[in-house]
């Protein structure tokens, strides 16, 4: 089934991000990943339904190239959707996720915010707060590429895009200012919804 781009979950550009940046990011870059996801999956369907897979190998083959491209494009779609979900909030840390993050960072939400911002500075692509369903714990992961750095079994809750396309038109090379702007309007209500759903789904079955 063809995947359709998700519309932005808010009206107008959020604080700290210009309309030009937002339009370029969503309508061109994100939609481009959706199109590539669909293109790759169409080619994989042909291979799955009786196509020539006899040449598949780990050095180079059509199947290897498509499978590698699949994870890059699909993660490019999903990470951007989580990122856009985090925008246009009031930025006030509250709720069960904020409480859990504070507890996991020495009892201080400020410790979490400082650490998460530092992870955003250290990453080349993404900083992600996730709930690790194997460890049943909150983690912050960083990714240099869409299909590198993620951990299977970890559910993203707060996703920050730190590729230059997310901020360079508005902040130039001042990534730190962009990260602070992101945190000041972080959608904690949505992040809490994701956290509650993630923890509920990973609870032991009775």
N, C-alpha and C. Protein backbone atom coordinates (compact mmCIF):
# COMPACT_ATOMS: atom_id res chain seq x y z
N UNK A 1 0.84 -1.20 0.00
CA UNK A 1 0.00 0.00 0.00
C UNK A 1 0.88 1.25 0.00
N UNK A 2 0.54 2.19 -0.84
CA UNK A 2 1.33 3.41 -0.94
C UNK A 2 1.22 4.23 0.34
N UNK A 3 2.36 4.67 0.84
CA UNK A 3 2.41 5.46 2.06
C UNK A 3 2.16 6.93 1.70
N UNK A 4 1.30 7.59 2.45
CA UNK A 4 0.98 8.99 2.18
C UNK A 4 1.68 9.89 3.21
N UNK A 5 2.21 11.03 2.76
CA UNK A 5 2.85 11.95 3.71
C UNK A 5 1.86 12.43 4.76
N UNK A 6 2.32 12.54 5.99
CA UNK A 6 1.48 13.07 7.05
C UNK A 6 1.52 14.60 7.01
N UNK A 7 0.38 15.25 7.15
CA UNK A 7 0.41 16.72 7.23
C UNK A 7 1.04 17.17 8.54
N UNK A 8 1.49 18.39 8.58
CA UNK A 8 2.02 18.93 9.83
C UNK A 8 0.92 18.95 10.89
N UNK A 9 1.24 18.59 12.13
CA UNK A 9 0.21 18.50 13.17
C UNK A 9 -0.10 19.84 13.84
N UNK A 10 0.22 20.93 13.17
CA UNK A 10 -0.04 22.27 13.72
C UNK A 10 -0.18 23.24 12.56
N UNK A 11 -0.72 24.41 12.84
CA UNK A 11 -0.89 25.44 11.82
C UNK A 11 0.16 26.52 12.01
N UNK A 12 0.84 26.89 10.93
CA UNK A 12 1.83 27.95 11.02
C UNK A 12 3.14 27.47 11.60
N UNK A 13 4.18 28.24 11.34
CA UNK A 13 5.50 27.86 11.84
C UNK A 13 5.58 28.02 13.36
N UNK A 14 6.16 27.05 14.06
CA UNK A 14 6.31 27.16 15.51
C UNK A 14 7.38 28.18 15.87
N UNK A 15 7.41 28.57 17.12
CA UNK A 15 8.39 29.55 17.59
C UNK A 15 9.80 29.05 17.33
N UNK A 16 10.63 29.94 16.80
CA UNK A 16 12.04 29.60 16.59
C UNK A 16 12.34 28.94 15.27
N UNK A 17 11.33 28.65 14.45
CA UNK A 17 11.53 28.04 13.15
C UNK A 17 10.75 28.84 12.11
N UNK A 18 11.41 29.26 11.06
CA UNK A 18 10.75 30.09 10.05
C UNK A 18 9.85 29.26 9.14
N UNK A 19 8.92 29.94 8.50
CA UNK A 19 8.02 29.27 7.56
C UNK A 19 8.81 28.66 6.40
N UNK A 20 9.86 29.36 5.96
CA UNK A 20 10.67 28.85 4.85
C UNK A 20 11.38 27.55 5.24
N UNK A 21 11.96 27.53 6.43
CA UNK A 21 12.62 26.31 6.89
C UNK A 21 11.62 25.18 7.02
N UNK A 22 10.48 25.46 7.63
CA UNK A 22 9.47 24.43 7.85
C UNK A 22 8.95 23.87 6.53
N UNK A 23 8.67 24.75 5.58
CA UNK A 23 8.15 24.31 4.28
C UNK A 23 9.17 23.46 3.54
N UNK A 24 10.42 23.91 3.54
CA UNK A 24 11.47 23.13 2.88
C UNK A 24 11.65 21.78 3.55
N UNK A 25 11.62 21.78 4.86
CA UNK A 25 11.86 20.57 5.64
C UNK A 25 10.74 19.55 5.42
N UNK A 26 9.51 20.00 5.54
CA UNK A 26 8.38 19.09 5.43
C UNK A 26 8.01 18.77 3.99
N UNK A 27 7.76 19.80 3.20
CA UNK A 27 7.18 19.60 1.87
C UNK A 27 8.17 19.05 0.85
N UNK A 28 9.44 19.30 1.05
CA UNK A 28 10.44 18.82 0.09
C UNK A 28 11.23 17.64 0.64
N UNK A 29 11.92 17.84 1.78
CA UNK A 29 12.80 16.80 2.27
C UNK A 29 12.02 15.59 2.80
N UNK A 30 11.09 15.84 3.70
CA UNK A 30 10.30 14.73 4.27
C UNK A 30 9.48 14.03 3.19
N UNK A 31 8.79 14.80 2.36
CA UNK A 31 7.98 14.19 1.29
C UNK A 31 8.87 13.40 0.33
N UNK A 32 10.11 13.88 0.12
CA UNK A 32 11.05 13.14 -0.70
C UNK A 32 11.36 11.76 -0.13
N UNK A 33 11.50 11.66 1.19
CA UNK A 33 11.73 10.36 1.82
C UNK A 33 10.51 9.45 1.66
N UNK A 34 9.33 10.03 1.77
CA UNK A 34 8.11 9.24 1.57
C UNK A 34 8.09 8.67 0.15
N UNK A 35 8.43 9.49 -0.82
CA UNK A 35 8.44 9.03 -2.21
C UNK A 35 9.47 7.91 -2.42
N UNK A 36 10.64 8.07 -1.81
CA UNK A 36 11.67 7.03 -1.94
C UNK A 36 11.25 5.75 -1.23
N UNK A 37 10.60 5.87 -0.09
CA UNK A 37 10.08 4.70 0.62
C UNK A 37 9.13 3.94 -0.29
N UNK A 38 8.22 4.63 -0.93
CA UNK A 38 7.27 3.99 -1.82
C UNK A 38 7.95 3.35 -3.04
N UNK A 39 8.92 4.07 -3.60
CA UNK A 39 9.64 3.55 -4.77
C UNK A 39 10.39 2.27 -4.43
N UNK A 40 11.10 2.28 -3.32
CA UNK A 40 11.87 1.10 -2.91
C UNK A 40 10.95 -0.07 -2.61
N UNK A 41 9.87 0.19 -1.90
CA UNK A 41 8.97 -0.89 -1.53
C UNK A 41 8.29 -1.49 -2.76
N UNK A 42 8.02 -0.68 -3.77
CA UNK A 42 7.45 -1.20 -5.01
C UNK A 42 8.42 -2.17 -5.69
N UNK A 43 9.70 -1.82 -5.69
CA UNK A 43 10.71 -2.70 -6.29
C UNK A 43 10.90 -3.97 -5.48
N UNK A 44 10.81 -3.86 -4.16
CA UNK A 44 10.94 -5.05 -3.31
C UNK A 44 9.75 -5.99 -3.49
N UNK A 45 8.57 -5.45 -3.70
CA UNK A 45 7.40 -6.28 -3.95
C UNK A 45 7.62 -7.12 -5.20
N UNK A 46 8.19 -6.50 -6.23
CA UNK A 46 8.45 -7.24 -7.47
C UNK A 46 9.42 -8.38 -7.23
N UNK A 47 10.44 -8.15 -6.39
CA UNK A 47 11.40 -9.21 -6.08
C UNK A 47 10.76 -10.30 -5.22
N UNK A 48 9.92 -9.90 -4.29
CA UNK A 48 9.28 -10.88 -3.41
C UNK A 48 8.29 -11.77 -4.17
N UNK A 49 7.71 -11.23 -5.24
CA UNK A 49 6.68 -11.95 -5.98
C UNK A 49 7.25 -12.63 -7.22
N UNK A 50 8.35 -13.32 -7.03
CA UNK A 50 8.90 -14.11 -8.12
C UNK A 50 10.01 -13.46 -8.90
N UNK A 51 10.54 -12.34 -8.43
CA UNK A 51 11.65 -11.68 -9.12
C UNK A 51 12.95 -12.45 -8.98
N UNK A 52 13.96 -12.00 -9.70
CA UNK A 52 15.26 -12.68 -9.69
C UNK A 52 16.07 -12.27 -8.46
N UNK A 53 16.16 -13.16 -7.49
CA UNK A 53 16.94 -12.90 -6.27
C UNK A 53 18.14 -13.83 -6.18
N UNK A 54 18.41 -14.55 -7.24
CA UNK A 54 19.51 -15.53 -7.22
C UNK A 54 20.87 -14.86 -7.08
N UNK A 55 20.99 -13.60 -7.49
CA UNK A 55 22.28 -12.92 -7.44
C UNK A 55 22.53 -12.21 -6.11
N UNK A 56 21.63 -12.34 -5.16
CA UNK A 56 21.78 -11.64 -3.87
C UNK A 56 23.08 -12.05 -3.18
N UNK A 57 23.85 -11.05 -2.74
CA UNK A 57 25.08 -11.31 -1.98
C UNK A 57 25.40 -10.08 -1.16
N UNK A 58 26.36 -10.22 -0.23
CA UNK A 58 26.65 -9.15 0.72
C UNK A 58 27.59 -8.09 0.19
N UNK A 59 28.21 -8.31 -0.94
CA UNK A 59 29.12 -7.31 -1.51
C UNK A 59 28.35 -6.27 -2.32
N UNK A 60 27.64 -6.74 -3.34
CA UNK A 60 26.79 -5.84 -4.11
C UNK A 60 25.76 -6.66 -4.86
N UNK A 61 24.52 -6.28 -4.74
CA UNK A 61 23.44 -6.87 -5.51
C UNK A 61 22.26 -5.93 -5.45
N UNK A 62 21.31 -6.11 -6.35
CA UNK A 62 20.12 -5.25 -6.36
C UNK A 62 19.39 -5.36 -5.03
N UNK A 63 19.25 -6.58 -4.53
CA UNK A 63 18.51 -6.77 -3.28
C UNK A 63 19.21 -6.09 -2.12
N UNK A 64 20.53 -6.24 -2.03
CA UNK A 64 21.27 -5.59 -0.95
C UNK A 64 21.09 -4.07 -1.00
N UNK A 65 21.21 -3.50 -2.20
CA UNK A 65 21.06 -2.06 -2.34
C UNK A 65 19.67 -1.58 -1.94
N UNK A 66 18.66 -2.32 -2.33
CA UNK A 66 17.29 -1.96 -1.98
C UNK A 66 17.04 -2.08 -0.48
N UNK A 67 17.55 -3.15 0.14
CA UNK A 67 17.33 -3.32 1.58
C UNK A 67 18.05 -2.25 2.38
N UNK A 68 19.24 -1.86 1.95
CA UNK A 68 19.96 -0.77 2.63
C UNK A 68 19.21 0.54 2.45
N UNK A 69 18.75 0.80 1.24
CA UNK A 69 17.99 2.02 0.98
C UNK A 69 16.66 2.03 1.71
N UNK A 70 16.08 0.85 1.90
CA UNK A 70 14.80 0.75 2.60
C UNK A 70 14.90 1.28 4.03
N UNK A 71 15.90 0.84 4.78
CA UNK A 71 16.02 1.29 6.17
C UNK A 71 16.32 2.79 6.24
N UNK A 72 17.12 3.30 5.28
CA UNK A 72 17.44 4.72 5.28
C UNK A 72 16.19 5.55 4.99
N UNK A 73 15.42 5.17 3.98
CA UNK A 73 14.24 5.94 3.60
C UNK A 73 13.12 5.82 4.64
N UNK A 74 12.88 4.60 5.11
CA UNK A 74 11.79 4.40 6.08
C UNK A 74 12.09 5.14 7.38
N UNK A 75 13.32 5.03 7.89
CA UNK A 75 13.66 5.76 9.10
C UNK A 75 13.63 7.26 8.85
N UNK A 76 14.00 7.70 7.65
CA UNK A 76 13.90 9.11 7.32
C UNK A 76 12.47 9.62 7.40
N UNK A 77 11.53 8.79 7.00
CA UNK A 77 10.11 9.15 7.11
C UNK A 77 9.67 9.19 8.57
N UNK A 78 9.91 8.11 9.29
CA UNK A 78 9.38 7.99 10.65
C UNK A 78 10.02 8.99 11.61
N UNK A 79 11.34 9.15 11.52
CA UNK A 79 12.00 10.10 12.42
C UNK A 79 11.49 11.51 12.19
N UNK A 80 11.27 11.90 10.94
CA UNK A 80 10.74 13.23 10.68
C UNK A 80 9.32 13.38 11.22
N UNK A 81 8.51 12.34 11.13
CA UNK A 81 7.16 12.44 11.67
C UNK A 81 7.18 12.61 13.18
N UNK A 82 8.05 11.88 13.87
CA UNK A 82 8.19 12.07 15.33
C UNK A 82 8.71 13.47 15.63
N UNK A 83 9.65 13.96 14.84
CA UNK A 83 10.20 15.30 15.05
C UNK A 83 9.12 16.36 14.92
N UNK A 84 8.34 16.31 13.84
CA UNK A 84 7.29 17.31 13.65
C UNK A 84 6.26 17.25 14.77
N UNK A 85 6.02 16.06 15.31
CA UNK A 85 5.10 15.90 16.44
C UNK A 85 5.58 16.65 17.68
N UNK A 86 6.88 16.86 17.78
CA UNK A 86 7.46 17.49 18.97
C UNK A 86 7.42 19.01 18.92
N UNK A 87 7.06 19.58 17.78
CA UNK A 87 7.09 21.02 17.62
C UNK A 87 5.77 21.67 18.05
N UNK A 88 5.85 22.96 18.34
CA UNK A 88 4.67 23.80 18.61
C UNK A 88 3.98 23.49 19.93
N UNK A 89 4.75 23.08 20.95
CA UNK A 89 4.21 22.92 22.29
C UNK A 89 4.53 24.14 23.13
N UNK A 90 4.24 24.06 24.43
CA UNK A 90 4.52 25.22 25.30
C UNK A 90 5.88 25.13 25.97
N UNK A 91 6.56 23.99 25.81
CA UNK A 91 7.91 23.86 26.32
C UNK A 91 8.04 23.65 27.82
N UNK A 92 6.91 23.58 28.52
CA UNK A 92 6.97 23.43 29.98
C UNK A 92 7.01 21.95 30.34
N UNK A 93 8.14 21.46 30.90
CA UNK A 93 8.25 20.03 31.25
C UNK A 93 7.22 19.66 32.32
N UNK A 94 6.35 18.74 31.99
CA UNK A 94 5.32 18.29 32.93
C UNK A 94 4.84 16.93 32.51
N UNK A 95 4.25 16.20 33.46
CA UNK A 95 3.68 14.91 33.14
C UNK A 95 4.60 13.76 33.50
N UNK A 96 4.15 12.53 33.26
CA UNK A 96 4.91 11.35 33.68
C UNK A 96 6.26 11.22 33.00
N UNK A 97 6.38 11.63 31.75
CA UNK A 97 7.68 11.53 31.08
C UNK A 97 8.67 12.49 31.70
N UNK A 98 8.24 13.73 31.93
CA UNK A 98 9.14 14.70 32.55
C UNK A 98 9.58 14.22 33.92
N UNK A 99 8.66 13.65 34.69
CA UNK A 99 9.00 13.12 36.01
C UNK A 99 10.01 11.98 35.91
N UNK A 100 9.79 11.09 34.94
CA UNK A 100 10.69 9.94 34.78
C UNK A 100 12.07 10.38 34.30
N UNK A 101 12.11 11.36 33.42
CA UNK A 101 13.40 11.87 32.93
C UNK A 101 14.16 12.57 34.04
N UNK A 102 13.46 13.31 34.87
CA UNK A 102 14.12 13.95 36.01
C UNK A 102 14.70 12.89 36.94
N UNK A 103 13.92 11.85 37.24
CA UNK A 103 14.38 10.79 38.13
C UNK A 103 15.60 10.08 37.56
N UNK A 104 15.67 9.96 36.24
CA UNK A 104 16.79 9.26 35.60
C UNK A 104 18.02 10.13 35.43
N UNK A 105 17.90 11.42 35.78
CA UNK A 105 19.03 12.34 35.62
C UNK A 105 19.28 13.10 36.92
N UNK A 106 19.46 12.32 37.99
CA UNK A 106 19.83 12.91 39.28
C UNK A 106 18.74 13.69 39.95
N UNK A 107 17.48 13.43 39.57
CA UNK A 107 16.36 14.12 40.21
C UNK A 107 16.09 15.51 39.66
N UNK A 108 16.70 15.85 38.52
CA UNK A 108 16.58 17.21 37.99
C UNK A 108 16.24 17.19 36.51
N UNK A 109 15.12 17.83 36.15
CA UNK A 109 14.78 17.95 34.73
C UNK A 109 15.80 18.84 34.02
N UNK A 110 16.40 19.77 34.75
CA UNK A 110 17.43 20.61 34.15
C UNK A 110 18.65 19.78 33.74
N UNK A 111 18.98 18.77 34.54
CA UNK A 111 20.07 17.87 34.17
C UNK A 111 19.75 17.16 32.86
N UNK A 112 18.49 16.71 32.73
CA UNK A 112 18.10 16.05 31.48
C UNK A 112 18.22 17.00 30.30
N UNK A 113 17.66 18.20 30.44
CA UNK A 113 17.67 19.16 29.33
C UNK A 113 19.09 19.50 28.90
N UNK A 114 19.98 19.65 29.87
CA UNK A 114 21.38 19.95 29.56
C UNK A 114 22.04 18.77 28.84
N UNK A 115 21.77 17.56 29.33
CA UNK A 115 22.36 16.37 28.72
C UNK A 115 21.80 16.14 27.31
N UNK A 116 20.50 16.29 27.14
CA UNK A 116 19.89 16.08 25.83
C UNK A 116 20.41 17.11 24.83
N UNK A 117 20.54 18.36 25.26
CA UNK A 117 21.09 19.39 24.37
C UNK A 117 22.52 19.05 23.98
N UNK A 118 23.30 18.53 24.92
CA UNK A 118 24.68 18.13 24.62
C UNK A 118 24.71 16.98 23.62
N UNK A 119 23.78 16.03 23.75
CA UNK A 119 23.69 14.94 22.79
C UNK A 119 23.35 15.47 21.41
N UNK A 120 22.50 16.49 21.36
CA UNK A 120 22.18 17.13 20.09
C UNK A 120 23.39 17.79 19.46
N UNK A 121 24.26 18.32 20.28
CA UNK A 121 25.50 18.92 19.76
C UNK A 121 26.49 17.85 19.31
N UNK A 122 26.46 16.69 19.96
CA UNK A 122 27.41 15.62 19.64
C UNK A 122 26.99 14.81 18.41
N UNK A 123 25.70 14.77 18.12
CA UNK A 123 25.20 13.97 17.00
C UNK A 123 25.37 14.70 15.68
N UNK A 124 25.39 13.93 14.61
CA UNK A 124 25.44 14.51 13.26
C UNK A 124 24.08 14.49 12.58
N UNK A 125 23.12 13.78 13.18
CA UNK A 125 21.82 13.68 12.53
C UNK A 125 20.63 13.81 13.46
N UNK A 126 20.62 13.01 14.52
CA UNK A 126 19.45 12.95 15.39
C UNK A 126 19.85 12.74 16.85
N UNK A 127 19.08 13.30 17.75
CA UNK A 127 19.13 12.96 19.18
C UNK A 127 17.73 12.49 19.55
N UNK A 128 17.64 11.32 20.18
CA UNK A 128 16.35 10.68 20.41
C UNK A 128 16.23 10.19 21.85
N UNK A 129 15.20 10.66 22.53
CA UNK A 129 14.82 10.06 23.81
C UNK A 129 13.91 8.88 23.48
N UNK A 130 14.26 7.71 23.98
CA UNK A 130 13.48 6.52 23.67
C UNK A 130 13.25 5.69 24.92
N UNK A 131 12.19 4.92 24.89
CA UNK A 131 11.94 3.96 25.95
C UNK A 131 12.43 2.60 25.47
N UNK A 132 13.43 2.07 26.15
CA UNK A 132 14.04 0.79 25.80
C UNK A 132 13.18 -0.31 26.42
N UNK A 133 12.48 -1.05 25.57
CA UNK A 133 11.56 -2.07 26.08
C UNK A 133 12.27 -3.30 26.63
N UNK A 134 13.55 -3.47 26.30
CA UNK A 134 14.31 -4.59 26.86
C UNK A 134 14.83 -4.25 28.25
N UNK A 135 15.37 -3.03 28.38
CA UNK A 135 15.87 -2.56 29.67
C UNK A 135 14.76 -1.96 30.53
N UNK A 136 13.59 -1.71 29.92
CA UNK A 136 12.49 -0.95 30.53
C UNK A 136 13.02 0.31 31.19
N UNK A 137 13.74 1.08 30.40
CA UNK A 137 14.35 2.31 30.90
C UNK A 137 14.39 3.36 29.81
N UNK A 138 14.44 4.62 30.21
CA UNK A 138 14.58 5.72 29.27
C UNK A 138 16.04 5.87 28.87
N UNK A 139 16.28 6.08 27.59
CA UNK A 139 17.63 6.26 27.06
C UNK A 139 17.66 7.45 26.12
N UNK A 140 18.83 8.03 25.95
CA UNK A 140 19.04 9.03 24.90
C UNK A 140 20.04 8.43 23.91
N UNK A 141 19.61 8.26 22.67
CA UNK A 141 20.47 7.74 21.62
C UNK A 141 20.77 8.84 20.61
N UNK A 142 21.91 8.72 19.95
CA UNK A 142 22.24 9.66 18.88
C UNK A 142 22.47 8.88 17.59
N UNK A 143 22.17 9.52 16.48
CA UNK A 143 22.32 8.90 15.17
C UNK A 143 23.05 9.85 14.24
N UNK A 144 23.99 9.32 13.48
CA UNK A 144 24.67 10.11 12.46
C UNK A 144 23.97 9.97 11.12
N UNK A 145 23.19 8.92 10.95
CA UNK A 145 22.40 8.71 9.75
C UNK A 145 21.10 8.02 10.16
N UNK A 146 20.09 8.08 9.32
CA UNK A 146 18.79 7.53 9.68
C UNK A 146 18.85 6.07 10.08
N UNK A 147 19.70 5.30 9.40
CA UNK A 147 19.76 3.87 9.69
C UNK A 147 21.03 3.49 10.45
N UNK A 148 21.50 4.41 11.27
CA UNK A 148 22.67 4.14 12.13
C UNK A 148 22.39 4.73 13.50
N UNK A 149 22.66 3.98 14.55
CA UNK A 149 22.54 4.51 15.90
C UNK A 149 21.26 4.15 16.62
N UNK A 150 20.24 3.73 15.88
CA UNK A 150 19.00 3.32 16.52
C UNK A 150 19.15 1.95 17.17
N UNK A 151 18.31 1.67 18.13
CA UNK A 151 18.35 0.40 18.86
C UNK A 151 17.01 -0.30 18.72
N UNK A 152 17.03 -1.52 18.24
CA UNK A 152 15.79 -2.28 18.10
C UNK A 152 15.17 -2.53 19.47
N UNK A 153 13.86 -2.35 19.55
CA UNK A 153 13.16 -2.53 20.81
C UNK A 153 13.06 -1.24 21.61
N UNK A 154 13.62 -0.15 21.08
CA UNK A 154 13.52 1.15 21.74
C UNK A 154 12.52 2.01 20.98
N UNK A 155 11.57 2.59 21.70
CA UNK A 155 10.48 3.36 21.09
C UNK A 155 10.76 4.86 21.24
N UNK A 156 10.90 5.60 20.13
CA UNK A 156 11.18 7.03 20.21
C UNK A 156 10.05 7.80 20.89
N UNK A 157 10.43 8.75 21.73
CA UNK A 157 9.48 9.59 22.44
C UNK A 157 9.69 11.07 22.11
N UNK A 158 10.94 11.51 22.17
CA UNK A 158 11.31 12.89 21.80
C UNK A 158 12.39 12.79 20.74
N UNK A 159 12.13 13.36 19.57
CA UNK A 159 13.06 13.26 18.44
C UNK A 159 13.47 14.66 18.01
N UNK A 160 14.78 14.89 18.00
CA UNK A 160 15.35 16.18 17.61
C UNK A 160 16.20 16.00 16.36
N UNK A 161 15.86 16.70 15.30
CA UNK A 161 16.62 16.69 14.06
C UNK A 161 17.74 17.72 14.17
N UNK A 162 18.99 17.28 14.08
CA UNK A 162 20.11 18.23 14.14
C UNK A 162 20.91 18.26 12.84
N UNK A 163 20.34 17.69 11.77
CA UNK A 163 20.95 17.92 10.46
C UNK A 163 20.85 19.41 10.15
N UNK A 164 21.79 19.93 9.37
CA UNK A 164 21.83 21.37 9.09
C UNK A 164 20.56 21.87 8.41
N UNK A 165 19.90 21.01 7.64
CA UNK A 165 18.70 21.49 6.95
C UNK A 165 17.61 21.90 7.93
N UNK A 166 17.67 21.42 9.18
CA UNK A 166 16.64 21.74 10.16
C UNK A 166 16.79 23.14 10.74
N UNK A 167 17.98 23.72 10.63
CA UNK A 167 18.19 24.99 11.32
C UNK A 167 19.05 26.01 10.58
N UNK A 168 19.78 25.63 9.53
CA UNK A 168 20.81 26.52 9.01
C UNK A 168 20.24 27.81 8.42
N UNK A 169 19.08 27.75 7.79
CA UNK A 169 18.49 28.97 7.23
C UNK A 169 18.13 29.97 8.32
N UNK A 170 17.81 29.47 9.50
CA UNK A 170 17.39 30.35 10.61
C UNK A 170 18.54 30.72 11.55
N UNK A 171 19.49 29.80 11.75
CA UNK A 171 20.50 30.01 12.78
C UNK A 171 21.94 29.96 12.26
N UNK A 172 22.12 29.74 10.97
CA UNK A 172 23.48 29.57 10.47
C UNK A 172 24.12 28.38 11.15
N UNK A 173 25.33 28.56 11.62
CA UNK A 173 26.04 27.45 12.26
C UNK A 173 25.77 27.35 13.77
N UNK A 174 24.88 28.18 14.28
CA UNK A 174 24.61 28.21 15.72
C UNK A 174 23.59 27.12 16.09
N UNK A 175 24.05 25.88 16.06
CA UNK A 175 23.17 24.77 16.38
C UNK A 175 22.66 24.85 17.82
N UNK A 176 23.49 25.32 18.73
CA UNK A 176 23.09 25.39 20.14
C UNK A 176 21.85 26.26 20.32
N UNK A 177 21.78 27.39 19.59
CA UNK A 177 20.61 28.26 19.69
C UNK A 177 19.36 27.57 19.16
N UNK A 178 19.52 26.83 18.09
CA UNK A 178 18.39 26.08 17.52
C UNK A 178 17.89 25.04 18.52
N UNK A 179 18.80 24.31 19.16
CA UNK A 179 18.40 23.29 20.13
C UNK A 179 17.63 23.92 21.28
N UNK A 180 18.09 25.06 21.76
CA UNK A 180 17.38 25.74 22.84
C UNK A 180 15.99 26.19 22.41
N UNK A 181 15.88 26.65 21.16
CA UNK A 181 14.57 27.05 20.63
C UNK A 181 13.64 25.83 20.55
N UNK A 182 14.18 24.70 20.15
CA UNK A 182 13.40 23.46 20.10
C UNK A 182 12.89 23.10 21.49
N UNK A 183 13.76 23.16 22.49
CA UNK A 183 13.37 22.77 23.85
C UNK A 183 12.35 23.74 24.44
N UNK A 184 12.43 25.02 24.06
CA UNK A 184 11.51 26.02 24.61
C UNK A 184 10.10 25.86 24.10
N UNK A 185 9.90 25.13 22.99
CA UNK A 185 8.54 24.91 22.50
C UNK A 185 8.26 23.43 22.28
N UNK A 186 8.98 22.60 23.03
CA UNK A 186 8.79 21.15 22.94
C UNK A 186 7.37 20.77 23.34
N UNK A 187 6.76 19.88 22.58
CA UNK A 187 5.39 19.44 22.83
C UNK A 187 5.40 18.30 23.85
N UNK A 188 5.46 18.67 25.11
CA UNK A 188 5.51 17.67 26.18
C UNK A 188 4.22 16.86 26.27
N UNK A 189 3.09 17.47 25.91
CA UNK A 189 1.83 16.73 25.95
C UNK A 189 1.89 15.53 25.01
N UNK A 190 2.40 15.73 23.79
CA UNK A 190 2.51 14.62 22.84
C UNK A 190 3.55 13.61 23.30
N UNK A 191 4.68 14.10 23.82
CA UNK A 191 5.72 13.20 24.30
C UNK A 191 5.20 12.33 25.44
N UNK A 192 4.38 12.90 26.32
CA UNK A 192 3.79 12.13 27.42
C UNK A 192 2.86 11.05 26.89
N UNK A 193 2.08 11.36 25.85
CA UNK A 193 1.20 10.37 25.25
C UNK A 193 2.00 9.18 24.73
N UNK A 194 3.10 9.47 24.04
CA UNK A 194 3.95 8.41 23.51
C UNK A 194 4.56 7.57 24.63
N UNK A 195 4.97 8.24 25.70
CA UNK A 195 5.59 7.54 26.84
C UNK A 195 4.59 6.61 27.51
N UNK A 196 3.38 7.08 27.75
CA UNK A 196 2.35 6.26 28.40
C UNK A 196 2.04 5.05 27.54
N UNK A 197 1.93 5.25 26.23
CA UNK A 197 1.63 4.13 25.33
C UNK A 197 2.80 3.15 25.29
N UNK A 198 4.02 3.65 25.28
CA UNK A 198 5.19 2.77 25.21
C UNK A 198 5.33 1.93 26.47
N UNK A 199 5.14 2.54 27.62
CA UNK A 199 5.30 1.81 28.88
C UNK A 199 4.16 0.82 29.07
N UNK A 200 2.97 1.17 28.61
CA UNK A 200 1.83 0.26 28.73
C UNK A 200 2.01 -0.97 27.86
N UNK A 201 2.53 -0.75 26.65
CA UNK A 201 2.69 -1.87 25.71
C UNK A 201 3.81 -2.81 26.12
N UNK A 202 4.75 -2.32 26.94
CA UNK A 202 5.86 -3.18 27.34
C UNK A 202 5.69 -3.77 28.72
N UNK A 203 4.54 -3.51 29.35
CA UNK A 203 4.30 -4.04 30.68
C UNK A 203 4.15 -5.57 30.62
N UNK A 204 4.67 -6.26 31.63
CA UNK A 204 4.56 -7.73 31.63
C UNK A 204 3.11 -8.18 31.57
N UNK A 205 2.84 -9.23 30.80
CA UNK A 205 1.49 -9.74 30.68
C UNK A 205 1.16 -10.63 31.88
N UNK A 206 -0.03 -10.43 32.45
CA UNK A 206 -0.44 -11.23 33.59
C UNK A 206 -1.22 -12.47 33.11
